[in-house]
Amino acid sequence: MITELADLTTANCENLLQFQRYRVGMLVRLTNSPRDYAWGSTTAIAELFGYAPTGAREAELWLGAHPGSPSRVVGSNETLIDVLDGERLPFLLKVLAAESALSLQAHPTMEQAAEGFARENAAGIPIDDPTRNYKDAFHKPELLFALSETFDALCGFRDVDQTLHLVEPLPVLTERLRETGLRATFEWLISRGDGVDALIKQVTDAAATLEAKEFQTVTSLAADYPGDPGIVISLLLNRVTLKRGQVLYLPAGNIHAYLDGLGVELMAASDNVLRGGLTPKHVDVPELLKVLDFTPVPVPLLAPVEVAFGVEAFRPGVPDFELLHVVMDASVELAASAIAICTAGGFVVNGERVALGESLYIENERVVEIAGEGDLFIATSAGPTARL
C-alpha cells in the first residue's frame, strides 16, 4: 500500500508539473493540424499564418473539443477534451479555406437532431457508418466571417420570382417552377426525376453563354461535379460574394454551400450534416427534405454589434456561441469559457502573448484584458460584453 501511494504521489507531481508547463493561470495554449478535405486550399491557411505551404490540402483548422479533431494542448500529450474533464464545450471554432465547392448541405434543429440520433441508435446503425445522418443529438447552426477579400457562397432559397427572372433562358426549369413551385421542383431535381439528367446538360451548356455570376457558378460546379443535380439546384439559391469582415449566419434548415474563400467559422459543436449534392458522400433525400426550410430568404447576413471601440460582436441569438472580433486594446467580460485565435498582428491576453496563428483556451476568466493590434477572434458560448 505504501509503495502504491508513493507511486501515485510521484505520478501526481509529474502530472502537476506537466500541467503547469502548458497552463498559465486559466489560459491553456492550443494547437492543431488542418484537416485535408479535397475542397481545401493548398496555400490559404499557410499564407494566413506565415508558414511554408506543405503542398497538401488544408481545409479546416479545428479549435475546440469535438472528438473529430480535438485541439491539442501545447507542450503536452493531452487534448482539450482532457482539460475539460468530461464537460462539453458547446461550440467549435474553425479557420476554413475553400478552393472549390463544399457539398450542398443543411443541419437539423435540436429537436430533429435528438429524434434522429435516437432513431438511428435504436436501429443499430454504427456511428461511423457512412450512411448515418445523425452523429450526435445536437443542432449545428453556424456563422462564417470572411477573412479573404471576397468569400463566395450559396445560402438559402431565393425568392421564386427573382429565380424565375434569372432562369428565363431555361424554359424547362421555368415551367417546372411555375407549375409545381419551389419545394416540388427541388424534390424533382434531388430525386433525379424524369428529365432531370437532360436538364442538367441543358443548363451546363447554356451557362457558357450567360453572364450572370450564378451561371459562372454553374460552370464551375459542372467541372467539379459533372451530372450532379446540385448544378441546377444552385440556381434556386442565393449566390453571395462576401467582402472581408462580412458575416453569414446559417440557422437550422438553411441549405448552403461555401464555394471559395478563407474565413473564420463558428458553430455549435455537432457533426450532423444532411447533404444535398455536390459530393460523393451519402445523400438521404427523404431525411434532407424533413430538415430543409423552403421559405425563401434574403442573403442571411449577420450585422455586428459594436460593444466597445475596436470590438465588435456577432450574436446570432443561440446559446451555443457568439463571436467577438477585437482589433486593438480592449477589456472584455466573458460569461463562459472561450477560445481565442490571432489571425493578424499580435496581442497580449491577460499577460499571455498570442502571436499570429496562436490560440488559447480561456477558462474562468471573468475579465480578459487585451493589448495589441490586428485581428483577434474570441469564441464563447454566452453573453460576452466589452468595456471601454
Protein backbone atom coordinates (compact mmCIF):
# COMPACT_ATOMS: atom_id res chain seq x y z
CA MET A 1 0.00 0.00 0.00
CA ILE A 2 2.86 2.42 0.89
CA THR A 3 4.52 1.66 -2.44
CA GLU A 4 1.24 2.25 -4.33
CA LEU A 5 0.75 5.56 -2.50
CA ALA A 6 4.29 6.66 -3.28
CA ASP A 7 3.83 5.80 -6.95
CA LEU A 8 0.55 7.72 -7.04
CA THR A 9 2.11 10.75 -5.38
CA THR A 10 5.01 10.73 -7.80
CA ALA A 11 2.65 10.43 -10.74
CA ASN A 12 0.50 13.26 -9.43
CA CYS A 13 3.55 15.51 -9.00
CA GLU A 14 4.71 14.76 -12.52
CA ASN A 15 1.24 15.49 -13.87
CA LEU A 16 1.11 18.75 -11.92
CA LEU A 17 4.48 19.86 -13.27
CA GLN A 18 3.39 19.00 -16.80
CA PHE A 19 0.11 20.85 -16.23
CA GLN A 20 1.94 23.96 -15.05
CA ARG A 21 4.17 23.95 -18.13
CA TYR A 22 1.27 24.42 -20.53
CA ARG A 23 -1.20 26.33 -18.39
CA VAL A 24 -0.76 29.97 -17.47
CA GLY A 25 -3.34 30.96 -14.87
CA MET A 26 -6.58 29.89 -16.51
CA LEU A 27 -5.18 30.14 -20.03
CA VAL A 28 -4.30 26.98 -21.98
CA ARG A 29 -2.30 27.19 -25.19
CA LEU A 30 -3.81 25.14 -28.03
CA THR A 31 -2.68 23.84 -31.38
CA ASN A 32 -4.00 21.54 -34.09
CA SER A 33 -3.31 20.38 -37.65
CA PRO A 34 -5.55 21.43 -40.56
CA ARG A 35 -7.88 18.75 -41.95
CA ASP A 36 -7.09 17.72 -45.53
CA TYR A 37 -10.52 17.65 -47.20
CA ALA A 38 -10.42 17.55 -51.01
CA TRP A 39 -12.02 21.01 -51.39
CA GLY A 40 -9.40 22.70 -49.21
CA SER A 41 -6.73 25.16 -50.31
CA THR A 42 -3.05 24.27 -50.62
CA THR A 43 -1.91 27.79 -49.71
CA ALA A 44 -4.53 29.93 -47.92
CA ILE A 45 -4.07 28.84 -44.29
CA ALA A 46 -0.28 28.67 -44.66
CA GLU A 47 -0.18 32.19 -46.10
CA LEU A 48 -2.50 33.50 -43.38
CA PHE A 49 -0.25 32.19 -40.61
CA GLY A 50 3.07 32.77 -42.36
CA TYR A 51 4.46 29.26 -42.79
CA ALA A 52 5.58 27.46 -45.94
CA PRO A 53 2.80 25.51 -47.71
CA THR A 54 3.23 21.75 -47.45
CA GLY A 55 1.58 21.03 -50.80
CA ALA A 56 -1.26 19.19 -49.03
CA ARG A 57 -4.85 20.36 -48.95
CA GLU A 58 -5.57 22.36 -45.79
CA ALA A 59 -9.33 22.83 -45.43
CA GLU A 60 -10.23 23.35 -41.77
CA LEU A 61 -8.27 24.07 -38.61
CA TRP A 62 -10.45 22.98 -35.68
CA LEU A 63 -10.23 24.73 -32.31
CA GLY A 64 -12.37 23.05 -29.72
CA ALA A 65 -13.13 19.76 -28.01
CA HIS A 66 -15.04 17.99 -30.77
CA PRO A 67 -13.84 14.35 -30.83
CA GLY A 68 -13.48 14.51 -34.63
CA SER A 69 -10.33 16.64 -34.24
CA PRO A 70 -9.86 17.99 -30.70
CA SER A 71 -7.33 20.74 -30.15
CA ARG A 72 -4.05 19.59 -28.65
CA VAL A 73 -2.52 21.26 -25.60
CA VAL A 74 0.89 22.78 -26.40
CA GLY A 75 3.68 21.01 -24.52
CA SER A 76 1.50 18.08 -23.52
CA ASN A 77 0.12 14.81 -24.86
CA GLU A 78 -3.35 15.91 -23.77
CA THR A 79 -6.18 17.41 -25.76
CA LEU A 80 -8.77 19.99 -24.79
CA ILE A 81 -11.13 17.08 -24.08
CA ASP A 82 -8.77 16.05 -21.26
CA VAL A 83 -8.62 19.61 -19.91
CA LEU A 84 -12.42 19.81 -19.81
CA ASP A 85 -12.56 16.50 -17.89
CA GLY A 86 -15.91 15.35 -19.21
CA GLU A 87 -17.55 18.74 -19.66
CA ARG A 88 -18.93 19.53 -23.12
CA LEU A 89 -17.75 22.66 -24.92
CA PRO A 90 -20.87 23.74 -26.83
CA PHE A 91 -19.09 25.49 -29.72
CA LEU A 92 -16.43 24.69 -32.31
CA LEU A 93 -14.22 27.39 -33.84
CA LYS A 94 -12.56 26.83 -37.22
CA VAL A 95 -10.36 28.53 -39.77
CA LEU A 96 -11.80 27.40 -43.11
CA ALA A 97 -10.15 27.61 -46.55
CA ALA A 98 -12.21 26.55 -49.58
CA GLU A 99 -10.63 26.31 -53.01
CA SER A 100 -13.64 24.55 -54.53
CA ALA A 101 -17.26 23.99 -53.52
CA LEU A 102 -18.25 22.14 -50.38
CA SER A 103 -21.28 19.87 -50.55
CA LEU A 104 -24.77 21.35 -50.57
CA GLN A 105 -25.96 20.75 -47.02
CA ALA A 106 -28.33 21.63 -44.22
CA HIS A 107 -28.38 20.98 -40.48
CA PRO A 108 -31.21 19.88 -38.17
CA THR A 109 -32.92 21.68 -35.32
CA MET A 110 -32.21 20.48 -31.79
CA GLU A 111 -35.47 18.51 -31.78
CA GLN A 112 -34.77 16.91 -35.16
CA ALA A 113 -31.24 16.01 -34.09
CA ALA A 114 -32.36 14.40 -30.82
CA GLU A 115 -35.06 12.38 -32.58
CA GLY A 116 -32.84 11.32 -35.47
CA PHE A 117 -29.94 10.35 -33.20
CA ALA A 118 -32.21 8.22 -31.01
CA ARG A 119 -33.86 6.62 -34.06
CA GLU A 120 -30.56 5.63 -35.68
CA ASN A 121 -29.22 4.34 -32.35
CA ALA A 122 -32.32 2.19 -31.94
CA ALA A 123 -31.82 0.86 -35.48
CA GLY A 124 -28.29 -0.22 -34.53
CA ILE A 125 -26.54 1.92 -37.15
CA PRO A 126 -22.87 2.35 -36.13
CA ILE A 127 -21.71 5.92 -35.53
CA ASP A 128 -19.04 5.55 -38.22
CA ASP A 129 -21.44 4.10 -40.83
CA PRO A 130 -21.20 6.36 -43.94
CA THR A 131 -24.98 6.17 -44.38
CA ARG A 132 -25.67 7.51 -40.90
CA ASN A 133 -27.15 11.02 -40.75
CA TYR A 134 -27.03 11.85 -37.04
CA LYS A 135 -23.71 11.52 -35.21
CA ASP A 136 -24.96 13.25 -32.05
CA ALA A 137 -28.10 14.76 -30.51
CA PHE A 138 -27.29 18.43 -31.17
CA HIS A 139 -28.15 21.09 -33.70
CA LYS A 140 -25.50 22.81 -35.81
CA PRO A 141 -26.21 26.47 -36.61
CA GLU A 142 -23.09 28.25 -37.85
CA LEU A 143 -21.64 31.60 -38.88
CA LEU A 144 -18.82 32.49 -41.26
CA PHE A 145 -16.64 35.62 -41.00
CA ALA A 146 -14.89 36.40 -44.31
CA LEU A 147 -11.13 36.81 -43.89
CA SER A 148 -10.28 36.86 -47.59
CA GLU A 149 -11.05 39.94 -49.66
CA THR A 150 -14.05 38.04 -51.05
CA PHE A 151 -15.79 34.85 -49.95
CA ASP A 152 -18.33 33.12 -52.22
CA ALA A 153 -21.24 31.00 -51.04
CA LEU A 154 -24.70 29.65 -51.76
CA CYS A 155 -27.09 30.24 -48.85
CA GLY A 156 -30.84 29.70 -48.62
CA PHE A 157 -33.60 29.60 -51.22
CA ARG A 158 -34.02 32.77 -53.27
CA ASP A 159 -37.39 34.45 -53.79
CA VAL A 160 -39.11 32.45 -56.55
CA ASP A 161 -39.99 35.50 -58.67
CA GLN A 162 -36.33 36.51 -58.69
CA THR A 163 -35.33 32.98 -59.65
CA LEU A 164 -37.87 32.93 -62.49
CA HIS A 165 -36.32 36.11 -63.87
CA LEU A 166 -32.81 34.61 -63.58
CA VAL A 167 -33.66 31.29 -65.29
CA GLU A 168 -35.84 32.77 -68.03
CA PRO A 169 -33.43 31.42 -70.71
CA LEU A 170 -34.17 27.88 -69.40
CA PRO A 171 -37.80 27.14 -70.31
CA VAL A 172 -37.91 23.63 -68.80
CA LEU A 173 -36.84 24.90 -65.37
CA THR A 174 -39.05 28.00 -65.65
CA GLU A 175 -42.15 25.98 -66.48
CA ARG A 176 -41.48 23.46 -63.71
CA LEU A 177 -41.10 26.23 -61.12
CA ARG A 178 -44.28 28.00 -62.26
CA GLU A 179 -46.36 24.82 -62.37
CA THR A 180 -45.18 22.97 -59.25
CA GLY A 181 -43.48 25.53 -57.01
CA LEU A 182 -40.14 25.59 -55.22
CA ARG A 183 -40.37 22.51 -52.99
CA ALA A 184 -41.69 20.21 -55.69
CA THR A 185 -39.06 21.45 -58.14
CA PHE A 186 -36.32 20.81 -55.62
CA GLU A 187 -37.67 17.30 -54.88
CA TRP A 188 -37.78 16.55 -58.61
CA LEU A 189 -34.17 17.66 -59.04
CA ILE A 190 -32.67 16.00 -55.96
CA SER A 191 -34.51 12.73 -56.73
CA ARG A 192 -33.37 12.76 -60.39
CA GLY A 193 -36.93 12.63 -61.73
CA ASP A 194 -37.76 12.20 -65.40
CA GLY A 195 -35.99 14.81 -67.47
CA VAL A 196 -33.53 15.94 -64.78
CA ASP A 197 -30.42 14.50 -66.46
CA ALA A 198 -31.34 16.22 -69.72
CA LEU A 199 -31.93 19.49 -67.84
CA ILE A 200 -28.53 19.28 -66.12
CA LYS A 201 -26.87 19.04 -69.53
CA GLN A 202 -29.00 21.86 -70.94
CA VAL A 203 -28.19 24.14 -68.00
CA THR A 204 -24.50 23.31 -68.18
CA ASP A 205 -24.35 24.04 -71.90
CA ALA A 206 -26.36 27.26 -71.60
CA ALA A 207 -24.23 28.58 -68.73
CA ALA A 208 -21.28 29.06 -71.08
CA THR A 209 -23.19 31.80 -72.92
CA LEU A 210 -24.80 33.56 -69.92
CA GLU A 211 -23.00 36.28 -67.96
CA ALA A 212 -24.69 36.30 -64.54
CA LYS A 213 -22.41 35.09 -61.74
CA GLU A 214 -24.98 32.38 -60.92
CA PHE A 215 -24.23 30.79 -64.31
CA GLN A 216 -20.49 31.18 -63.78
CA THR A 217 -21.05 29.13 -60.64
CA VAL A 218 -22.93 26.53 -62.70
CA THR A 219 -19.90 26.20 -64.99
CA SER A 220 -17.56 25.77 -62.04
CA LEU A 221 -19.78 23.20 -60.32
CA ALA A 222 -20.24 21.24 -63.54
CA ALA A 223 -16.47 20.99 -63.94
CA ASP A 224 -16.07 19.55 -60.43
CA TYR A 225 -19.29 17.50 -60.21
CA PRO A 226 -20.43 16.68 -63.77
CA GLY A 227 -24.02 15.47 -63.96
CA ASP A 228 -24.85 16.33 -60.32
CA PRO A 229 -28.36 17.75 -59.68
CA GLY A 230 -26.73 20.31 -57.38
CA ILE A 231 -25.60 22.12 -60.52
CA VAL A 232 -29.21 23.10 -61.26
CA ILE A 233 -30.21 23.40 -57.60
CA SER A 234 -27.59 26.15 -57.23
CA LEU A 235 -29.80 28.36 -59.44
CA LEU A 236 -32.58 28.19 -56.83
CA LEU A 237 -30.32 29.58 -54.08
CA ASN A 238 -28.94 32.95 -53.07
CA ARG A 239 -25.48 33.41 -54.56
CA VAL A 240 -23.44 35.78 -52.40
CA THR A 241 -19.97 37.28 -52.51
CA LEU A 242 -19.00 38.47 -49.04
CA LYS A 243 -16.46 41.24 -48.58
CA ARG A 244 -13.81 40.89 -45.91
CA GLY A 245 -15.40 41.35 -42.49
CA GLN A 246 -18.94 40.42 -43.54
CA VAL A 247 -20.62 37.51 -41.78
CA LEU A 248 -23.15 34.90 -42.87
CA TYR A 249 -25.39 33.19 -40.31
CA LEU A 250 -26.82 29.82 -41.32
CA PRO A 251 -29.56 28.56 -39.00
CA ALA A 252 -31.07 25.08 -38.95
CA GLY A 253 -32.77 24.13 -42.21
CA ASN A 254 -30.83 26.60 -44.37
CA ILE A 255 -29.39 24.88 -47.45
CA HIS A 256 -25.93 26.21 -48.23
CA ALA A 257 -22.52 25.54 -49.71
CA TYR A 258 -19.30 27.51 -49.39
CA LEU A 259 -17.69 27.97 -52.81
CA ASP A 260 -14.37 29.75 -52.42
CA GLY A 261 -12.55 31.81 -49.82
CA LEU A 262 -10.92 31.97 -46.40
CA GLY A 263 -12.86 32.59 -43.21
CA VAL A 264 -13.36 32.06 -39.51
CA GLU A 265 -16.27 29.69 -38.91
CA LEU A 266 -18.06 29.26 -35.58
CA MET A 267 -20.75 26.67 -34.96
CA ALA A 268 -22.46 24.55 -32.38
CA ALA A 269 -20.28 21.52 -31.62
CA SER A 270 -22.07 18.95 -33.73
CA ASP A 271 -21.35 16.71 -36.71
CA ASN A 272 -24.92 16.43 -38.04
CA VAL A 273 -24.90 17.14 -41.78
CA LEU A 274 -27.69 16.33 -44.27
CA ARG A 275 -26.15 16.55 -47.74
CA GLY A 276 -27.98 17.61 -50.88
CA GLY A 277 -25.47 17.12 -53.68
CA LEU A 278 -22.06 18.21 -54.95
CA THR A 279 -20.49 15.33 -53.07
CA PRO A 280 -19.63 11.65 -53.48
CA LYS A 281 -20.90 11.09 -49.92
CA HIS A 282 -24.28 9.71 -48.85
CA VAL A 283 -27.36 11.78 -49.74
CA ASP A 284 -30.50 10.74 -47.84
CA VAL A 285 -33.22 12.51 -49.82
CA PRO A 286 -36.21 11.81 -47.51
CA GLU A 287 -34.28 12.90 -44.40
CA LEU A 288 -32.96 16.01 -46.14
CA LEU A 289 -36.49 17.00 -47.13
CA LYS A 290 -37.59 16.69 -43.48
CA VAL A 291 -34.85 19.08 -42.37
CA LEU A 292 -34.91 21.71 -45.13
CA ASP A 293 -36.65 25.05 -44.67
CA PHE A 294 -38.07 26.03 -48.09
CA THR A 295 -39.03 29.54 -47.01
CA PRO A 296 -37.31 31.98 -49.40
CA VAL A 297 -34.95 34.31 -47.55
CA PRO A 298 -32.65 37.19 -48.45
CA VAL A 299 -28.92 36.63 -48.07
CA PRO A 300 -28.62 35.86 -44.31
CA LEU A 301 -26.03 38.46 -43.35
CA LEU A 302 -25.39 38.93 -39.62
CA ALA A 303 -24.67 42.52 -38.61
CA PRO A 304 -22.15 43.20 -35.84
CA VAL A 305 -22.89 44.87 -32.53
CA GLU A 306 -20.20 47.38 -31.52
CA VAL A 307 -19.59 46.69 -27.85
CA ALA A 308 -16.55 48.94 -27.48
CA PHE A 309 -14.18 50.92 -29.66
CA GLY A 310 -12.30 48.28 -31.67
CA VAL A 311 -14.51 45.39 -30.55
CA GLU A 312 -17.49 44.01 -32.44
CA ALA A 313 -19.70 41.07 -31.51
CA PHE A 314 -21.65 38.73 -33.76
CA ARG A 315 -24.63 37.38 -31.83
CA PRO A 316 -26.96 35.04 -33.72
CA GLY A 317 -29.25 34.54 -30.73
CA VAL A 318 -28.43 30.90 -29.98
CA PRO A 319 -26.98 29.85 -26.60
CA ASP A 320 -24.17 27.78 -28.13
CA PHE A 321 -21.92 30.52 -29.46
CA GLU A 322 -21.10 34.16 -30.09
CA LEU A 323 -18.05 35.65 -31.78
CA LEU A 324 -16.02 38.68 -30.73
CA HIS A 325 -13.66 40.38 -33.18
CA VAL A 326 -11.01 42.51 -31.45
CA VAL A 327 -8.63 44.77 -33.39
CA MET A 328 -6.96 46.80 -30.62
CA ASP A 329 -6.60 47.24 -26.83
CA ALA A 330 -9.79 46.24 -25.03
CA SER A 331 -11.24 44.88 -21.83
CA VAL A 332 -13.68 42.04 -22.44
CA GLU A 333 -16.06 40.41 -19.99
CA LEU A 334 -16.87 36.74 -20.55
CA ALA A 335 -19.78 34.86 -19.05
CA ALA A 336 -18.37 31.47 -20.08
CA SER A 337 -15.24 29.70 -21.26
CA ALA A 338 -13.81 30.85 -24.57
CA ILE A 339 -11.25 30.17 -27.29
CA ALA A 340 -9.19 32.95 -28.88
CA ILE A 341 -7.11 32.88 -32.07
CA CYS A 342 -4.95 35.58 -33.64
CA THR A 343 -5.19 35.81 -37.43
CA ALA A 344 -3.24 39.07 -37.89
CA GLY A 345 -0.82 41.14 -35.82
CA GLY A 346 -0.28 40.12 -32.22
CA PHE A 347 -1.87 40.50 -28.78
CA VAL A 348 -1.31 40.01 -25.09
CA VAL A 349 -4.29 38.35 -23.38
CA ASN A 350 -4.27 38.59 -19.58
CA GLY A 351 -0.49 38.78 -19.70
CA GLU A 352 -0.04 35.92 -22.16
CA ARG A 353 1.35 36.65 -25.62
CA VAL A 354 -0.80 35.43 -28.53
CA ALA A 355 1.12 35.76 -31.77
CA LEU A 356 -0.08 35.20 -35.34
CA GLY A 357 -1.64 31.74 -35.67
CA GLU A 358 -1.63 31.04 -31.93
CA SER A 359 -4.71 30.18 -29.89
CA LEU A 360 -5.77 29.99 -26.24
CA TYR A 361 -8.47 28.27 -24.25
CA ILE A 362 -9.75 30.76 -21.66
CA GLU A 363 -11.41 29.25 -18.61
CA ASN A 364 -12.97 31.02 -15.63
CA GLU A 365 -11.57 34.39 -16.64
CA ARG A 366 -14.40 36.82 -15.99
CA VAL A 367 -12.47 39.83 -17.30
CA VAL A 368 -9.96 39.49 -20.16
CA GLU A 369 -7.55 42.37 -20.64
CA ILE A 370 -6.30 42.59 -24.23
CA ALA A 371 -3.43 44.66 -25.59
CA GLY A 372 -2.26 44.68 -29.18
CA GLU A 373 -3.32 45.34 -32.74
CA GLY A 374 -4.51 43.10 -35.56
CA ASP A 375 -7.32 40.53 -35.63
CA LEU A 376 -8.16 38.51 -32.54
CA PHE A 377 -11.26 36.32 -32.62
CA ILE A 378 -12.82 35.11 -29.37
CA ALA A 379 -15.48 32.40 -29.46
CA THR A 380 -17.62 31.84 -26.40
CA SER A 381 -20.96 30.33 -25.55
CA ALA A 382 -22.88 33.06 -23.79
CA GLY A 383 -23.13 36.80 -23.26
CA PRO A 384 -19.72 38.37 -23.91
CA THR A 385 -19.54 42.12 -23.46
CA ALA A 386 -16.72 44.61 -23.66
CA ARG A 387 -15.86 47.66 -21.59
CA LEU A 388 -14.25 50.90 -22.71
